[in-house]
Amino acid sequence: MRHGTSKNFDHAFIRGIKLITRQQSLSSALLAMVFGLLMVLVLIRMQVVDYSVGSYIACKGCFHTFVIMTDLPLFSLAAGILLLASILRPIWLGRLTQLLLGFLFLVYVSDLLVLRLFNSRLFLSDVALFMAEKSAIWNQFYTGIGGPLPALGIVAGLLLFFAMLYLLPPVQTLSQRVFLIAVLAISLTASTILRPQPYVNEWVVSNVFTANLASTERVKYSAAEQARILAEPVKGQRISSSQTNGMAAGRNVIVVIVESWSAWHSALFGGYQDWSPQFDAAAREGLRFTEFHSIGFATTNGLVGILAGQ
C-alpha cells in the first residue's frame, strides 16, 4: 500500500513538473511573440518613413534612429501590460489584460498602412469620420497592398494575434518578470535621455500615439491669444478704391483646387513623385506661389488660406 501511494505521488509530481515546464515554455513563447513582432514592426516603419520622408528630401536612412527613439516607449508599454497581467488573479483576468496589447498592435499596424498608402497618419479623431465609408476604405486598403488576398492575410494575422494573446498564459517565473522589468526600465530611461531633435516633419516620424497627442488642429486659440492676433496691425498696403477702378474689365481668374494633394505628389514643387505632370505644366505657364504656408491640417483651413488670404 505504501509502495502504491509513493508511486502515485511520483506520477503526480512528474505531471506537475511537466505542467510547470509547459506553462513556462508557453510564457516564453508569449514574450518572444510580442517583442519579436514589435521589433519587426519598428523595422517596417523605418522603411515606410524612408519611403515617405527620406525619399522626399533625398536622405534615405536619416530617420532610422529617430524612429527607434520615438518607438522606445511602446516597448515600455508592452512590458508594463505583460507585468500587470502576470500579477492579476484569477488568471483569466490576466489573459484579458494581455488583449490590450492586441489593440496596441492594431493601432500600430493601421497607422503603418495609412502612412504607406496615404502619406498621412492614423489620427484617432478622424477614425469615426471615415468609418462611415467602410467600403471605400476596404477598397483602398486591398488595392494599395496588392489585392484582397494580402488584405485578408493581414486581417487574419491580427485576429490570430488576439487569439494567441488570450490563449497563452501570463508570465510565471521570476526570470521572466525580471526580463520585463529590465525592458521597462531600459526603454523608459533611453526614451527619456535620447530625445530626438525637433524636426519639421516630426508628425511623420513620431510614433502614432505621440503624433495624436501632439496634434493641435482641433485645439482652439485661447481668448487672450485671439485678442493678441486681432490687435496686430495688418501687414501690407491696403488697396484704395481708386486703385480698383477698371479691375472688373480684366480677364477671369480660374482657381483649380485639388483635394488631398500636396507637394509630395508634384515634381515641380519638390516632390519625388511625378504624379501631376499636367498640373505642373499649367503651373509653369501660369502663376504659382512658392512661399504659400498652410494655416492648418484640414481642407477647411486650406480653403480659408487660399480664398480668403487669412
Protein backbone atom coordinates (compact mmCIF):
# COMPACT_ATOMS: atom_id res chain seq x y z
CA MET A 1 0.00 0.00 0.00
CA ARG A 2 2.78 2.35 0.89
CA HIS A 3 4.58 1.45 -2.32
CA GLY A 4 1.44 2.27 -4.39
CA THR A 5 0.96 5.59 -2.61
CA SER A 6 4.58 6.54 -3.24
CA LYS A 7 4.24 5.57 -6.89
CA ASN A 8 1.10 7.71 -7.30
CA PHE A 9 2.87 10.61 -5.61
CA ASP A 10 5.80 10.25 -8.01
CA HIS A 11 3.46 10.29 -11.01
CA ALA A 12 1.64 13.38 -9.69
CA PHE A 13 4.96 15.11 -9.02
CA ILE A 14 6.21 14.36 -12.53
CA ARG A 15 2.94 15.59 -14.06
CA GLY A 16 3.22 18.76 -12.01
CA ILE A 17 6.79 19.35 -13.20
CA LYS A 18 5.75 18.79 -16.81
CA LEU A 19 2.80 21.17 -16.42
CA ILE A 20 5.00 23.89 -14.90
CA THR A 21 7.59 23.41 -17.63
CA ARG A 22 4.89 23.61 -20.28
CA GLN A 23 3.47 26.80 -18.73
CA GLN A 24 6.93 28.35 -18.64
CA SER A 25 7.54 27.43 -22.28
CA LEU A 26 4.23 28.98 -23.32
CA SER A 27 5.03 32.15 -21.35
CA SER A 28 8.43 32.34 -23.05
CA ALA A 29 6.66 31.94 -26.39
CA LEU A 30 4.41 34.88 -25.45
CA LEU A 31 7.42 37.09 -24.72
CA ALA A 32 9.15 36.09 -27.94
CA MET A 33 5.98 36.70 -29.97
CA VAL A 34 5.22 40.14 -28.51
CA PHE A 35 8.69 41.67 -28.56
CA GLY A 36 9.78 39.92 -31.74
CA LEU A 37 6.73 41.21 -33.62
CA LEU A 38 7.16 44.69 -32.15
CA MET A 39 10.76 44.84 -33.36
CA VAL A 40 9.69 43.66 -36.84
CA LEU A 41 7.02 46.38 -36.99
CA VAL A 42 9.55 49.03 -35.95
CA LEU A 43 11.86 47.90 -38.76
CA ILE A 44 8.96 48.08 -41.22
CA ARG A 45 8.08 51.58 -40.01
CA MET A 46 11.67 52.65 -40.58
CA GLN A 47 11.33 51.62 -44.21
CA VAL A 48 7.92 53.31 -44.58
CA VAL A 49 9.28 56.56 -43.12
CA ASP A 50 12.21 56.26 -45.54
CA TYR A 51 9.71 55.98 -48.40
CA SER A 52 7.57 58.89 -47.19
CA VAL A 53 10.15 61.36 -45.89
CA GLY A 54 13.63 60.06 -46.66
CA SER A 55 12.95 59.89 -50.39
CA TYR A 56 11.22 63.26 -50.29
CA ILE A 57 14.35 65.03 -49.01
CA ALA A 58 16.83 62.62 -50.70
CA CYS A 59 18.11 61.31 -47.37
CA LYS A 60 17.42 57.59 -47.17
CA GLY A 61 18.18 56.14 -43.75
CA CYS A 62 18.36 59.52 -42.00
CA PHE A 63 15.34 58.78 -39.81
CA HIS A 64 16.09 55.24 -38.65
CA THR A 65 17.49 56.38 -35.30
CA PHE A 66 14.63 58.87 -34.92
CA VAL A 67 12.03 56.14 -35.41
CA ILE A 68 13.74 53.82 -32.91
CA MET A 69 13.91 56.56 -30.27
CA THR A 70 10.28 57.57 -30.71
CA ASP A 71 9.09 53.94 -30.59
CA LEU A 72 11.01 53.00 -27.42
CA PRO A 73 8.05 53.94 -25.14
CA LEU A 74 5.98 51.26 -26.91
CA PHE A 75 8.38 48.62 -25.58
CA SER A 76 7.81 50.07 -22.10
CA LEU A 77 4.07 49.93 -22.61
CA ALA A 78 4.18 46.31 -23.79
CA ALA A 79 6.38 45.27 -20.86
CA GLY A 80 4.11 47.08 -18.40
CA ILE A 81 0.99 45.37 -19.72
CA LEU A 82 2.63 41.93 -19.51
CA LEU A 83 3.85 42.62 -15.97
CA LEU A 84 0.37 43.69 -14.90
CA ALA A 85 -1.15 40.58 -16.48
CA SER A 86 1.32 38.38 -14.59
CA ILE A 87 0.19 39.55 -11.14
CA LEU A 88 -3.56 39.70 -11.73
CA ARG A 89 -5.74 36.93 -10.34
CA PRO A 90 -7.71 34.97 -11.41
CA ILE A 91 -5.62 34.02 -14.43
CA TRP A 92 -8.41 34.78 -16.93
CA LEU A 93 -8.20 38.43 -15.84
CA GLY A 94 -4.52 38.42 -16.76
CA ARG A 95 -5.36 36.93 -20.15
CA LEU A 96 -7.92 39.70 -20.77
CA THR A 97 -5.31 42.28 -19.80
CA GLN A 98 -2.97 40.84 -22.42
CA LEU A 99 -5.59 41.66 -25.05
CA LEU A 100 -4.68 45.33 -24.53
CA LEU A 101 -1.50 44.52 -26.44
CA GLY A 102 -3.69 43.46 -29.35
CA PHE A 103 -5.21 46.92 -29.55
CA LEU A 104 -1.74 48.49 -29.33
CA PHE A 105 -0.58 46.41 -32.30
CA LEU A 106 -3.84 47.03 -34.18
CA VAL A 107 -3.35 50.81 -33.93
CA TYR A 108 0.34 50.48 -34.88
CA VAL A 109 -0.36 48.33 -37.97
CA SER A 110 -3.27 50.54 -39.05
CA ASP A 111 -1.05 53.62 -38.77
CA LEU A 112 1.63 51.92 -40.88
CA LEU A 113 -0.92 51.21 -43.61
CA VAL A 114 -2.32 54.77 -43.55
CA LEU A 115 1.20 56.22 -43.74
CA ARG A 116 2.22 53.92 -46.58
CA LEU A 117 -0.97 54.27 -48.64
CA PHE A 118 -1.94 57.89 -48.00
CA ASN A 119 1.22 59.59 -46.68
CA SER A 120 -0.76 60.57 -43.57
CA ARG A 121 -1.14 59.31 -40.01
CA LEU A 122 -3.90 57.45 -38.22
CA PHE A 123 -5.33 60.37 -36.29
CA LEU A 124 -7.85 58.80 -33.93
CA SER A 125 -10.08 61.86 -34.17
CA ASP A 126 -10.60 61.00 -37.86
CA VAL A 127 -11.49 57.33 -37.34
CA ALA A 128 -15.17 57.97 -36.63
CA LEU A 129 -15.31 60.37 -39.57
CA PHE A 130 -14.14 57.79 -42.08
CA MET A 131 -15.86 54.71 -40.60
CA ALA A 132 -18.98 55.77 -42.49
CA GLU A 133 -17.08 54.93 -45.71
CA LYS A 134 -16.26 51.31 -44.89
CA SER A 135 -16.49 50.05 -48.47
CA ALA A 136 -14.24 52.83 -49.78
CA ILE A 137 -11.70 52.21 -47.01
CA TRP A 138 -11.63 48.47 -47.73
CA ASN A 139 -11.25 49.15 -51.46
CA GLN A 140 -8.31 51.48 -50.89
CA PHE A 141 -6.80 49.05 -48.41
CA TYR A 142 -6.72 45.91 -50.55
CA THR A 143 -5.91 47.87 -53.72
CA GLY A 144 -2.92 49.55 -52.09
CA ILE A 145 -1.34 46.36 -50.72
CA GLY A 146 -1.75 44.20 -53.80
CA GLY A 147 -5.25 42.72 -53.74
CA PRO A 148 -7.86 41.15 -51.45
CA LEU A 149 -5.77 38.08 -50.52
CA PRO A 150 -2.92 40.06 -48.87
CA ALA A 151 -5.55 42.24 -47.18
CA LEU A 152 -7.37 39.18 -45.80
CA GLY A 153 -3.99 37.80 -44.70
CA ILE A 154 -3.30 40.91 -42.62
CA VAL A 155 -6.76 40.78 -41.04
CA ALA A 156 -6.40 37.05 -40.29
CA GLY A 157 -2.95 37.67 -38.80
CA LEU A 158 -4.31 40.31 -36.44
CA LEU A 159 -7.18 38.04 -35.35
CA LEU A 160 -4.73 35.19 -34.74
CA PHE A 161 -2.55 37.55 -32.69
CA PHE A 162 -5.53 38.46 -30.48
CA ALA A 163 -6.33 34.77 -30.01
CA MET A 164 -2.73 33.94 -29.05
CA LEU A 165 -2.63 36.79 -26.52
CA TYR A 166 -5.63 35.29 -24.75
CA LEU A 167 -4.64 31.63 -25.04
CA LEU A 168 -1.00 31.99 -23.97
CA PRO A 169 -0.68 32.19 -20.17
CA PRO A 170 0.82 35.28 -18.49
CA VAL A 171 4.47 35.10 -17.46
CA GLN A 172 5.06 32.92 -14.42
CA THR A 173 8.74 32.76 -13.46
CA LEU A 174 10.93 35.23 -11.65
CA SER A 175 13.38 35.33 -14.56
CA GLN A 176 10.59 36.30 -16.97
CA ARG A 177 9.42 39.09 -14.66
CA VAL A 178 13.00 40.32 -14.28
CA PHE A 179 13.27 40.41 -18.08
CA LEU A 180 10.11 42.52 -18.33
CA ILE A 181 11.29 44.87 -15.60
CA ALA A 182 14.62 45.27 -17.42
CA VAL A 183 12.86 46.05 -20.72
CA LEU A 184 10.60 48.54 -18.95
CA ALA A 185 13.48 50.29 -17.17
CA ILE A 186 15.87 50.38 -20.13
CA SER A 187 13.30 51.61 -22.67
CA LEU A 188 11.94 54.26 -20.29
CA THR A 189 15.43 55.50 -19.41
CA ALA A 190 16.57 55.52 -23.03
CA SER A 191 13.45 57.33 -24.27
CA THR A 192 13.92 59.96 -21.53
CA ILE A 193 17.61 60.55 -22.23
CA LEU A 194 17.66 60.10 -26.02
CA ARG A 195 15.21 62.78 -27.03
CA PRO A 196 15.42 63.43 -30.79
CA GLN A 197 15.85 66.98 -32.02
CA PRO A 198 12.62 68.67 -33.22
CA TYR A 199 12.02 68.22 -36.93
CA VAL A 200 9.59 69.91 -39.30
CA ASN A 201 8.10 66.54 -40.31
CA GLU A 202 8.05 65.19 -36.78
CA TRP A 203 4.39 64.29 -37.17
CA VAL A 204 5.52 61.62 -39.68
CA VAL A 205 8.40 60.07 -37.76
CA SER A 206 6.88 60.15 -34.25
CA ASN A 207 5.05 57.07 -33.05
CA VAL A 208 1.31 57.04 -33.65
CA PHE A 209 0.37 57.84 -30.04
CA THR A 210 2.74 60.79 -29.78
CA ALA A 211 1.51 62.09 -33.14
CA ASN A 212 -2.06 62.02 -31.85
CA LEU A 213 -1.19 63.70 -28.56
CA ALA A 214 0.76 66.43 -30.40
CA SER A 215 -1.97 67.07 -32.97
CA THR A 216 -3.40 70.56 -32.46
CA GLU A 217 -5.61 71.08 -35.49
CA ARG A 218 -8.74 70.92 -33.30
CA VAL A 219 -7.34 72.95 -30.40
CA LYS A 220 -8.79 76.44 -30.39
CA TYR A 221 -6.78 79.55 -29.58
CA SER A 222 -7.38 80.99 -26.14
CA ALA A 223 -9.33 84.23 -25.84
CA ALA A 224 -6.14 86.09 -24.94
CA GLU A 225 -4.31 84.72 -27.98
CA GLN A 226 -7.21 85.65 -30.28
CA ALA A 227 -7.23 89.18 -28.90
CA ARG A 228 -3.47 89.48 -29.38
CA ILE A 229 -3.64 88.33 -33.01
CA LEU A 230 -6.59 90.60 -33.85
CA ALA A 231 -4.82 93.58 -32.28
CA GLU A 232 -1.79 93.20 -34.54
CA PRO A 233 -1.69 95.63 -37.48
CA VAL A 234 -2.38 94.10 -40.89
CA LYS A 235 0.85 93.78 -42.86
CA GLY A 236 0.99 95.05 -46.41
CA GLN A 237 -0.56 98.03 -48.17
CA ARG A 238 -4.30 98.29 -48.44
CA ILE A 239 -5.73 98.86 -51.93
CA SER A 240 -7.72 102.09 -52.17
CA SER A 241 -10.98 102.36 -54.06
CA SER A 242 -9.27 104.46 -56.75
CA GLN A 243 -6.85 101.62 -57.47
CA THR A 244 -9.66 99.15 -58.07
CA ASN A 245 -11.20 101.15 -60.92
CA GLY A 246 -11.14 99.14 -64.11
CA MET A 247 -10.24 95.86 -62.42
CA ALA A 248 -13.60 94.33 -63.33
CA ALA A 249 -12.75 94.75 -67.02
CA GLY A 250 -9.83 92.31 -66.73
CA ARG A 251 -9.84 88.63 -67.60
CA ASN A 252 -11.45 85.97 -65.46
CA VAL A 253 -9.33 84.18 -62.90
CA ILE A 254 -9.62 80.40 -62.76
CA VAL A 255 -8.59 78.77 -59.48
CA VAL A 256 -8.12 74.99 -59.55
CA ILE A 257 -8.16 73.39 -56.09
CA VAL A 258 -7.30 69.70 -55.79
CA GLU A 259 -8.38 67.79 -52.69
CA SER A 260 -5.78 65.79 -50.71
CA TRP A 261 -2.87 66.79 -52.94
CA SER A 262 0.48 68.02 -51.71
CA ALA A 263 3.99 68.91 -52.81
CA TRP A 264 4.88 65.27 -52.17
CA HIS A 265 2.99 64.32 -55.34
CA SER A 266 4.42 67.04 -57.59
CA ALA A 267 7.90 67.03 -59.12
CA LEU A 268 7.64 70.78 -59.79
CA PHE A 269 7.03 71.61 -56.13
CA GLY A 270 9.85 69.45 -54.82
CA GLY A 271 8.24 66.05 -54.51
CA TYR A 272 9.90 62.89 -55.77
CA GLN A 273 6.60 61.56 -57.15
CA ASP A 274 5.76 62.87 -60.62
CA TRP A 275 2.03 62.24 -60.31
CA SER A 276 0.81 65.61 -61.60
CA PRO A 277 2.67 66.46 -64.84
CA GLN A 278 -0.32 68.32 -66.32
CA PHE A 279 -0.84 70.41 -63.19
CA ASP A 280 2.89 71.12 -63.11
CA ALA A 281 2.83 72.23 -66.76
CA ALA A 282 -0.11 74.57 -66.08
CA ALA A 283 1.71 76.00 -63.03
CA ARG A 284 4.82 76.72 -65.13
CA GLU A 285 2.75 78.62 -67.69
CA GLY A 286 0.63 80.45 -65.16
CA LEU A 287 1.16 81.75 -61.66
CA ARG A 288 2.39 79.57 -58.82
CA PHE A 289 3.07 80.55 -55.24
CA THR A 290 6.31 79.16 -53.89
CA GLU A 291 6.08 80.71 -50.42
CA PHE A 292 2.49 79.82 -49.53
CA HIS A 293 2.21 78.43 -46.00
CA SER A 294 -0.55 76.14 -44.76
CA ILE A 295 -2.65 77.51 -41.91
CA GLY A 296 -3.93 74.14 -40.72
CA PHE A 297 -4.23 70.41 -41.25
CA ALA A 298 -7.78 70.07 -42.57
CA THR A 299 -9.10 71.03 -46.00
CA THR A 300 -11.25 73.77 -44.47
CA ASN A 301 -8.15 75.60 -43.24
CA GLY A 302 -6.56 75.35 -46.68
CA LEU A 303 -9.64 76.83 -48.35
CA VAL A 304 -9.65 79.74 -45.90
CA GLY A 305 -5.98 80.37 -46.58
CA ILE A 306 -6.37 80.20 -50.39
CA LEU A 307 -9.67 82.00 -50.89
CA ALA A 308 -9.64 84.49 -48.01
CA GLY A 309 -5.92 85.09 -47.63
CA GLN A 310 -6.11 84.61 -43.87
